[in-house]
């Protein structure tokens, strides 16, 4: 089963041993960040630094002239990834015999929300989420589609993995995050993710809902959760809190908005990419879920993209709805954490991979070769050697 590991350019650039070290793990591919959000990252083996602070979301390559005169455009990286950091790292990894695919983070950008607050998701209380661009807004959609095409199709890349290509919500480690004091559960997180910007208010209206009445209903539905009451899991909890017909109307608006954005972004990448270029989406098979792995309809997304990358940190169960589509021409990549200090389990990778294969996985993704300790990487190397 083909394995790829996620890597940042700063894991490779300036470290002459990095590319060979990654290749020695037994992976055939590297998924290398070309557009990424703000982060503070460990680099435990780099000869020049141990911590990299990416102060804001940025592209890790020089942009072209498609952005001239546009209000919304990508931000260049600072000294954490100067110049064509992606291109430099990609060349070293290719030289080491690895296939390079781009890793593109899209609807997740705190600097965009800070400098253009009207682009952000607005919840039922009027709070803006600067890390979460509203994907219903025409200008934001145009920005995301063009960013997907440019950041995905970099010189030397054989494919791309598009992350956060859908709705984002409350669940985000933003700055020093202090939002875990109340357990909102699946239903509460959905309600807190509903956007009430001007475009979404019109969207709800097209579904027969009054936006002001909907916002009030959302606030009323959330009140018991703020007081500590548990919610029912999954969509049944949303229907219980909001009412089945109202809940269905909100979902109809949001599902269509995400679906058409995904179609447009994948189409833009295909129009730019060479023949044989692989396009995968980070995805969750439950359409009302939001975040880095946004909810999708499995049948639809596998008819649009070449496959999906599926989070398996909580077990491989999310693979099943994609595998049940019975398509033999798509990739279903099981994404495993292998950084033990971040909750990953490199010691059980062989067992986890075998179970994922039984449930329909065709490939593996390993998060993350640059962040893992030497001990974690030794466990990965042993697991991949036995597969």
Protein backbone atom coordinates (compact mmCIF):
# COMPACT_ATOMS: atom_id res chain seq x y z
CA UNK A 1 0.00 0.00 0.00
CA UNK A 2 1.56 3.27 -1.13
CA UNK A 3 2.50 5.62 1.73
CA UNK A 4 3.14 9.35 1.72
CA UNK A 5 4.23 11.59 4.55
CA UNK A 6 3.41 15.24 5.11
CA UNK A 7 6.37 17.62 5.19
CA UNK A 8 6.96 21.39 5.37
CA UNK A 9 9.58 23.07 3.18
CA UNK A 10 11.42 24.26 6.28
CA UNK A 11 11.92 20.64 7.33
CA UNK A 12 14.05 20.13 4.21
CA UNK A 13 15.60 23.43 3.20
CA UNK A 14 18.91 24.01 4.97
CA UNK A 15 19.20 20.38 6.06
CA UNK A 16 21.26 18.42 3.51
CA UNK A 17 20.30 15.09 5.11
CA UNK A 18 16.54 15.64 5.32
CA UNK A 19 15.43 14.34 1.92
CA UNK A 20 17.42 11.09 2.18
CA UNK A 21 16.20 10.60 5.76
CA UNK A 22 12.58 10.91 4.64
CA UNK A 23 13.13 8.54 1.73
CA UNK A 24 14.67 5.98 4.10
CA UNK A 25 11.35 5.69 5.93
CA UNK A 26 9.99 3.61 3.07
CA UNK A 27 7.49 6.15 1.76
CA UNK A 28 7.18 6.61 -2.00
CA UNK A 29 5.64 10.08 -1.87
CA UNK A 30 5.90 13.33 0.06
CA UNK A 31 2.94 15.66 0.45
CA UNK A 32 4.77 19.00 0.67
CA UNK A 33 3.06 22.19 1.87
CA UNK A 34 2.76 24.89 -0.80
CA UNK A 35 0.04 27.01 0.87
CA UNK A 36 -0.32 26.74 4.62
CA UNK A 37 -1.89 28.41 7.65
CA UNK A 38 -0.08 30.04 10.55
CA UNK A 39 1.71 27.59 12.81
CA UNK A 40 4.48 27.08 15.32
CA UNK A 41 6.33 23.92 14.35
CA UNK A 42 9.06 21.78 15.84
CA UNK A 43 12.03 20.79 13.67
CA UNK A 44 13.81 18.27 15.93
CA UNK A 45 16.67 17.36 13.56
CA UNK A 46 17.33 20.55 11.62
CA UNK A 47 20.95 21.78 11.89
CA UNK A 48 19.98 25.47 11.98
CA UNK A 49 16.79 25.70 14.09
CA UNK A 50 14.43 23.78 16.35
CA UNK A 51 11.30 25.95 16.16
CA UNK A 52 9.75 27.60 13.10
CA UNK A 53 7.06 30.23 13.62
CA UNK A 54 4.94 30.87 10.55
CA UNK A 55 3.25 34.07 11.63
CA UNK A 56 0.37 33.99 9.17
CA UNK A 57 -1.18 31.93 6.42
CA UNK A 58 0.94 32.19 3.31
CA UNK A 59 2.00 30.66 0.04
CA UNK A 60 5.44 29.10 0.04
CA UNK A 61 6.38 30.00 -3.54
CA UNK A 62 6.39 33.19 -5.65
CA UNK A 63 2.91 33.99 -6.97
CA UNK A 64 2.17 34.93 -10.59
CA UNK A 65 0.36 37.92 -12.08
CA UNK A 66 -3.16 36.54 -11.72
CA UNK A 67 -3.45 38.43 -8.44
CA UNK A 68 -2.63 41.90 -9.74
CA UNK A 69 -5.27 44.45 -8.81
CA UNK A 70 -7.32 42.02 -6.71
CA UNK A 71 -8.43 42.85 -3.19
CA UNK A 72 -8.11 39.25 -1.99
CA UNK A 73 -4.78 37.64 -2.78
CA UNK A 74 -2.35 35.23 -1.08
CA UNK A 75 0.20 36.48 1.41
CA UNK A 76 3.88 35.73 0.81
CA UNK A 77 5.73 33.91 3.55
CA UNK A 78 8.20 35.72 5.74
CA UNK A 79 11.62 34.51 6.78
CA UNK A 80 10.23 31.10 7.74
CA UNK A 81 9.93 30.19 4.03
CA UNK A 82 11.66 32.79 1.83
CA UNK A 83 11.76 32.79 -1.95
CA UNK A 84 10.57 29.62 -3.64
CA UNK A 85 10.77 27.52 -0.50
CA UNK A 86 8.44 24.91 -1.96
CA UNK A 87 10.46 24.60 -5.16
CA UNK A 88 13.75 24.23 -3.29
CA UNK A 89 12.40 21.49 -1.05
CA UNK A 90 10.62 19.74 -3.92
CA UNK A 91 13.85 19.55 -5.92
CA UNK A 92 15.73 17.95 -3.02
CA UNK A 93 12.97 15.43 -2.36
CA UNK A 94 12.70 14.51 -6.03
CA UNK A 95 16.46 14.02 -6.19
CA UNK A 96 16.08 11.56 -3.29
CA UNK A 97 13.68 9.50 -5.40
CA UNK A 98 10.42 10.69 -3.88
CA UNK A 99 7.26 11.67 -5.74
CA UNK A 100 6.18 15.15 -4.67
CA UNK A 101 2.55 16.23 -4.32
CA UNK A 102 1.44 19.65 -3.11
CA UNK A 103 -0.39 20.19 0.17
CA UNK A 104 -2.75 23.16 -0.17
CA UNK A 105 -4.71 24.65 2.76
CA UNK A 106 -7.58 26.79 1.47
CA UNK A 107 -10.52 28.10 3.56
CA UNK A 108 -8.47 28.64 6.72
CA UNK A 109 -6.66 31.96 6.98
CA UNK A 110 -6.61 34.18 10.06
CA UNK A 111 -4.75 37.04 8.39
CA UNK A 112 -7.35 37.21 5.63
CA UNK A 113 -10.06 37.51 8.26
CA UNK A 114 -8.15 40.13 10.21
CA UNK A 115 -7.50 42.35 7.18
CA UNK A 116 -10.82 41.65 5.45
CA UNK A 117 -13.28 40.98 8.29
CA UNK A 118 -16.30 40.97 5.98
CA UNK A 119 -15.00 37.73 4.45
CA UNK A 120 -15.34 35.78 7.70
CA UNK A 121 -18.02 33.41 8.93
CA UNK A 122 -20.40 35.21 11.33
CA UNK A 123 -22.20 33.04 13.90
CA UNK A 124 -25.73 33.44 15.25
CA UNK A 125 -24.46 35.74 18.01
CA UNK A 126 -22.73 38.10 15.58
CA UNK A 127 -19.21 36.86 16.40
CA UNK A 128 -16.80 36.67 13.47
CA UNK A 129 -14.40 33.79 12.95
CA UNK A 130 -11.35 35.41 11.36
CA UNK A 131 -9.76 32.01 10.73
CA UNK A 132 -12.80 30.86 8.70
CA UNK A 133 -13.53 32.55 5.35
CA UNK A 134 -17.19 32.23 4.37
CA UNK A 135 -17.14 30.04 1.28
CA UNK A 136 -20.49 31.38 0.07
CA UNK A 137 -19.15 34.85 -0.75
CA UNK A 138 -18.39 35.30 -4.47
CA UNK A 139 -15.07 37.13 -4.00
CA UNK A 140 -13.88 34.56 -1.48
CA UNK A 141 -14.87 31.69 -3.75
CA UNK A 142 -12.97 33.24 -6.66
CA UNK A 143 -9.92 33.69 -4.44
CA UNK A 144 -10.04 30.08 -3.22
CA UNK A 145 -10.49 28.63 -6.70
CA UNK A 146 -7.52 30.55 -8.10
CA UNK A 147 -5.40 29.76 -5.04
CA UNK A 148 -6.19 26.07 -5.45
CA UNK A 149 -5.07 26.12 -9.07
CA UNK A 150 -1.87 28.09 -8.48
CA UNK A 151 -0.73 26.39 -5.27
CA UNK A 152 -1.58 22.90 -6.48
CA UNK A 153 0.19 22.90 -9.81
CA UNK A 154 3.77 23.72 -8.87
CA UNK A 155 6.75 22.72 -11.04
CA UNK A 156 7.72 19.12 -10.40
CA UNK A 157 4.52 18.19 -8.53
CA UNK A 158 2.72 15.02 -9.63
CA UNK A 159 -0.49 15.72 -7.75
CA UNK A 160 -2.13 17.72 -5.00
CA UNK A 161 -4.06 17.30 -1.75
CA UNK A 162 -6.56 20.07 -1.05
CA UNK A 163 -7.29 20.65 2.64
CA UNK A 164 -10.05 22.83 4.10
CA UNK A 165 -11.96 22.98 0.82
CA UNK A 166 -15.32 23.53 2.49
CA UNK A 167 -16.90 25.13 5.53
CA UNK A 168 -14.83 25.96 8.59
CA UNK A 169 -16.38 26.50 12.02
CA UNK A 170 -15.55 26.98 15.67
CA UNK A 171 -13.24 24.00 16.07
CA UNK A 172 -9.86 25.53 15.36
CA UNK A 173 -6.76 25.88 17.53
CA UNK A 174 -6.69 29.65 17.17
CA UNK A 175 -3.91 31.50 19.03
CA UNK A 176 -3.98 30.29 22.68
CA UNK A 177 -7.25 28.45 22.30
CA UNK A 178 -9.64 28.59 25.26
CA UNK A 179 -12.86 27.30 23.71
CA UNK A 180 -13.03 23.82 25.23
CA UNK A 181 -14.72 24.79 28.49
CA UNK A 182 -18.17 23.69 27.32
CA UNK A 183 -18.63 20.41 25.49
CA UNK A 184 -20.85 21.44 22.59
CA UNK A 185 -20.74 18.08 20.85
CA UNK A 186 -21.40 17.41 17.19
CA UNK A 187 -24.75 19.20 17.04
CA UNK A 188 -23.54 22.25 18.94
CA UNK A 189 -20.52 22.59 16.70
CA UNK A 190 -22.76 22.55 13.64
CA UNK A 191 -24.97 25.28 15.06
CA UNK A 192 -21.94 27.37 15.99
CA UNK A 193 -20.65 26.95 12.42
CA UNK A 194 -23.79 28.34 10.75
CA UNK A 195 -22.86 31.59 9.02
CA UNK A 196 -25.03 34.72 9.06
CA UNK A 197 -23.07 37.00 6.75
CA UNK A 198 -25.13 38.89 4.16
CA UNK A 199 -24.66 36.21 1.49
CA UNK A 200 -25.62 33.35 3.79
CA UNK A 201 -28.66 35.25 5.05
CA UNK A 202 -29.85 35.48 1.46
CA UNK A 203 -29.06 31.81 1.00
CA UNK A 204 -31.26 30.84 3.91
CA UNK A 205 -33.99 33.03 2.47
CA UNK A 206 -33.84 31.05 -0.77
CA UNK A 207 -34.49 27.95 1.34
CA UNK A 208 -37.61 29.55 2.84
CA UNK A 209 -36.04 30.63 6.12
CA UNK A 210 -36.05 34.07 7.70
CA UNK A 211 -32.43 34.72 8.71
CA UNK A 212 -33.28 36.70 11.85
CA UNK A 213 -35.70 34.02 13.03
CA UNK A 214 -33.14 31.34 12.24
CA UNK A 215 -30.42 33.11 14.23
CA UNK A 216 -32.77 33.41 17.21
CA UNK A 217 -33.69 29.73 16.90
CA UNK A 218 -30.00 28.78 16.85
CA UNK A 219 -29.32 30.82 19.98
CA UNK A 220 -32.30 29.21 21.73
CA UNK A 221 -31.18 25.75 20.65
CA UNK A 222 -27.67 26.32 22.00
CA UNK A 223 -28.77 27.62 25.40
CA UNK A 224 -29.14 24.19 27.07
CA UNK A 225 -25.68 23.23 25.83
CA UNK A 226 -24.14 26.35 27.39
CA UNK A 227 -25.73 25.19 30.64
CA UNK A 228 -24.05 21.81 30.37
CA UNK A 229 -26.75 19.59 28.88
CA UNK A 230 -25.39 16.89 26.53
CA UNK A 231 -26.54 16.81 22.93
CA UNK A 232 -27.49 13.80 20.84
CA UNK A 233 -24.76 12.69 18.45
CA UNK A 234 -24.62 13.38 14.74
CA UNK A 235 -27.42 14.86 12.65
CA UNK A 236 -30.18 13.63 14.96
CA UNK A 237 -28.87 16.04 17.57
CA UNK A 238 -29.14 19.00 15.19
CA UNK A 239 -32.70 18.04 14.26
CA UNK A 240 -33.65 17.73 17.92
CA UNK A 241 -32.23 21.13 18.79
CA UNK A 242 -33.33 23.08 15.73
CA UNK A 243 -36.24 21.09 14.29
CA UNK A 244 -35.98 18.71 11.36
CA UNK A 245 -37.32 20.99 8.62
CA UNK A 246 -35.26 24.02 9.64
CA UNK A 247 -32.15 21.91 10.06
CA UNK A 248 -32.66 20.39 6.60
CA UNK A 249 -33.00 23.83 5.02
CA UNK A 250 -29.73 25.06 6.54
CA UNK A 251 -27.98 21.94 5.38
CA UNK A 252 -29.36 22.26 1.85
CA UNK A 253 -27.83 25.74 1.55
CA UNK A 254 -24.49 24.75 3.03
CA UNK A 255 -24.14 21.44 1.19
CA UNK A 256 -24.79 23.04 -2.19
CA UNK A 257 -22.38 25.88 -1.43
CA UNK A 258 -19.56 23.50 -0.50
CA UNK A 259 -20.26 21.10 -3.34
CA UNK A 260 -20.13 23.75 -6.05
CA UNK A 261 -16.94 25.26 -4.60
CA UNK A 262 -15.29 21.84 -4.61
CA UNK A 263 -16.33 21.29 -8.22
CA UNK A 264 -14.99 24.69 -9.24
CA UNK A 265 -11.67 24.27 -7.44
CA UNK A 266 -11.01 20.79 -8.79
CA UNK A 267 -11.99 21.97 -12.27
CA UNK A 268 -9.57 24.89 -12.05
CA UNK A 269 -6.73 22.58 -10.99
CA UNK A 270 -7.48 20.18 -13.83
CA UNK A 271 -7.51 23.01 -16.36
CA UNK A 272 -4.01 24.03 -15.24
CA UNK A 273 -2.41 20.67 -14.52
CA UNK A 274 -0.63 18.29 -16.90
CA UNK A 275 -2.20 14.97 -17.86
CA UNK A 276 -2.11 12.41 -15.08
CA UNK A 277 -2.01 14.98 -12.29
CA UNK A 278 -3.74 13.51 -9.22
CA UNK A 279 -6.24 15.60 -7.22
CA UNK A 280 -7.30 14.46 -3.74
CA UNK A 281 -9.43 16.21 -1.13
CA UNK A 282 -9.10 15.95 2.63
CA UNK A 283 -12.63 14.89 3.50
CA UNK A 284 -15.13 13.57 6.03
CA UNK A 285 -18.08 11.50 4.77
CA UNK A 286 -20.61 13.39 6.94
CA UNK A 287 -21.63 16.46 4.96
CA UNK A 288 -22.50 18.67 7.93
CA UNK A 289 -19.03 18.32 9.47
CA UNK A 290 -16.69 21.29 9.11
CA UNK A 291 -12.98 22.00 9.41
CA UNK A 292 -9.75 20.85 7.81
CA UNK A 293 -11.54 17.68 6.62
CA UNK A 294 -14.86 19.18 5.52
CA UNK A 295 -17.93 17.04 5.07
CA UNK A 296 -18.64 15.73 1.58
CA UNK A 297 -21.07 13.38 -0.09
CA UNK A 298 -18.87 10.35 -0.87
CA UNK A 299 -20.54 9.45 -4.16
CA UNK A 300 -20.35 13.02 -5.43
CA UNK A 301 -16.79 13.81 -4.41
CA UNK A 302 -15.41 10.59 -5.88
CA UNK A 303 -17.02 11.58 -9.18
CA UNK A 304 -15.26 14.96 -9.06
CA UNK A 305 -11.80 14.31 -7.61
CA UNK A 306 -9.39 11.40 -7.96
CA UNK A 307 -9.90 10.43 -4.36
CA UNK A 308 -9.87 11.49 -0.74
CA UNK A 309 -7.59 11.67 2.29
CA UNK A 310 -9.59 10.50 5.31
CA UNK A 311 -8.73 11.22 8.96
CA UNK A 312 -8.23 8.01 10.96
CA UNK A 313 -7.05 9.40 14.30
CA UNK A 314 -10.27 8.16 15.92
CA UNK A 315 -10.17 4.85 14.06
CA UNK A 316 -10.66 3.86 10.43
CA UNK A 317 -14.47 3.94 10.42
CA UNK A 318 -14.72 7.04 8.22
CA UNK A 319 -13.18 5.07 5.36
CA UNK A 320 -16.23 2.84 4.93
CA UNK A 321 -18.65 5.30 3.26
CA UNK A 322 -16.05 6.06 0.60
CA UNK A 323 -15.14 2.40 0.05
CA UNK A 324 -18.83 1.48 -0.25
CA UNK A 325 -19.02 3.49 -3.47
CA UNK A 326 -17.28 0.55 -5.12
CA UNK A 327 -15.05 2.67 -7.36
CA UNK A 328 -11.79 1.06 -8.43
CA UNK A 329 -10.46 4.19 -10.12
CA UNK A 330 -10.12 6.36 -7.01
CA UNK A 331 -7.69 6.76 -4.13
CA UNK A 332 -8.89 6.31 -0.56
CA UNK A 333 -5.96 7.34 1.63
CA UNK A 334 -6.08 6.62 5.36
CA UNK A 335 -4.44 9.46 7.28
CA UNK A 336 -2.62 8.32 10.44
CA UNK A 337 -0.86 10.44 13.03
CA UNK A 338 2.66 9.14 13.72
CA UNK A 339 3.82 11.84 16.13
CA UNK A 340 3.36 10.27 19.55
CA UNK A 341 3.64 13.60 21.35
CA UNK A 342 0.66 14.86 19.36
CA UNK A 343 -1.54 11.84 19.96
CA UNK A 344 -0.24 9.72 17.09
CA UNK A 345 0.52 6.00 17.39
CA UNK A 346 3.52 5.02 15.28
CA UNK A 347 3.90 1.80 17.24
CA UNK A 348 0.55 0.48 15.98
CA UNK A 349 0.97 1.70 12.40
CA UNK A 350 1.29 -1.77 10.86
CA UNK A 351 -1.87 -3.00 12.59
CA UNK A 352 -3.73 0.21 11.81
CA UNK A 353 -2.73 0.05 8.16
CA UNK A 354 -3.88 -3.55 7.86
CA UNK A 355 -7.27 -2.68 9.33
CA UNK A 356 -7.59 0.34 7.05
CA UNK A 357 -6.85 -1.84 4.04
CA UNK A 358 -9.61 -4.23 5.11
CA UNK A 359 -12.02 -1.28 5.17
CA UNK A 360 -11.07 -0.15 1.68
CA UNK A 361 -8.03 2.10 2.02
CA UNK A 362 -5.77 2.02 -1.01
CA UNK A 363 -3.02 4.28 0.34
CA UNK A 364 -1.70 5.78 3.59
CA UNK A 365 -0.81 9.28 4.69
CA UNK A 366 1.50 9.82 7.65
CA UNK A 367 1.34 12.98 9.72
CA UNK A 368 4.14 14.16 9.95
CA UNK A 369 7.78 13.28 9.15
CA UNK A 370 9.10 16.73 10.04
CA UNK A 371 7.44 16.87 13.47
CA UNK A 372 8.15 13.32 14.65
CA UNK A 373 10.95 12.31 17.00
CA UNK A 374 13.73 9.96 15.94
CA UNK A 375 12.02 7.21 17.93
CA UNK A 376 8.71 7.77 16.16
CA UNK A 377 10.44 7.65 12.78
CA UNK A 378 12.16 4.38 13.65
CA UNK A 379 8.76 2.86 14.42
CA UNK A 380 7.40 4.15 11.10
CA UNK A 381 10.39 2.74 9.24
CA UNK A 382 9.88 -0.67 10.82
CA UNK A 383 6.14 -0.67 10.13
CA UNK A 384 6.53 0.27 6.47
CA UNK A 385 9.27 -2.32 5.98
CA UNK A 386 6.84 -5.01 7.10
CA UNK A 387 3.95 -3.99 4.88
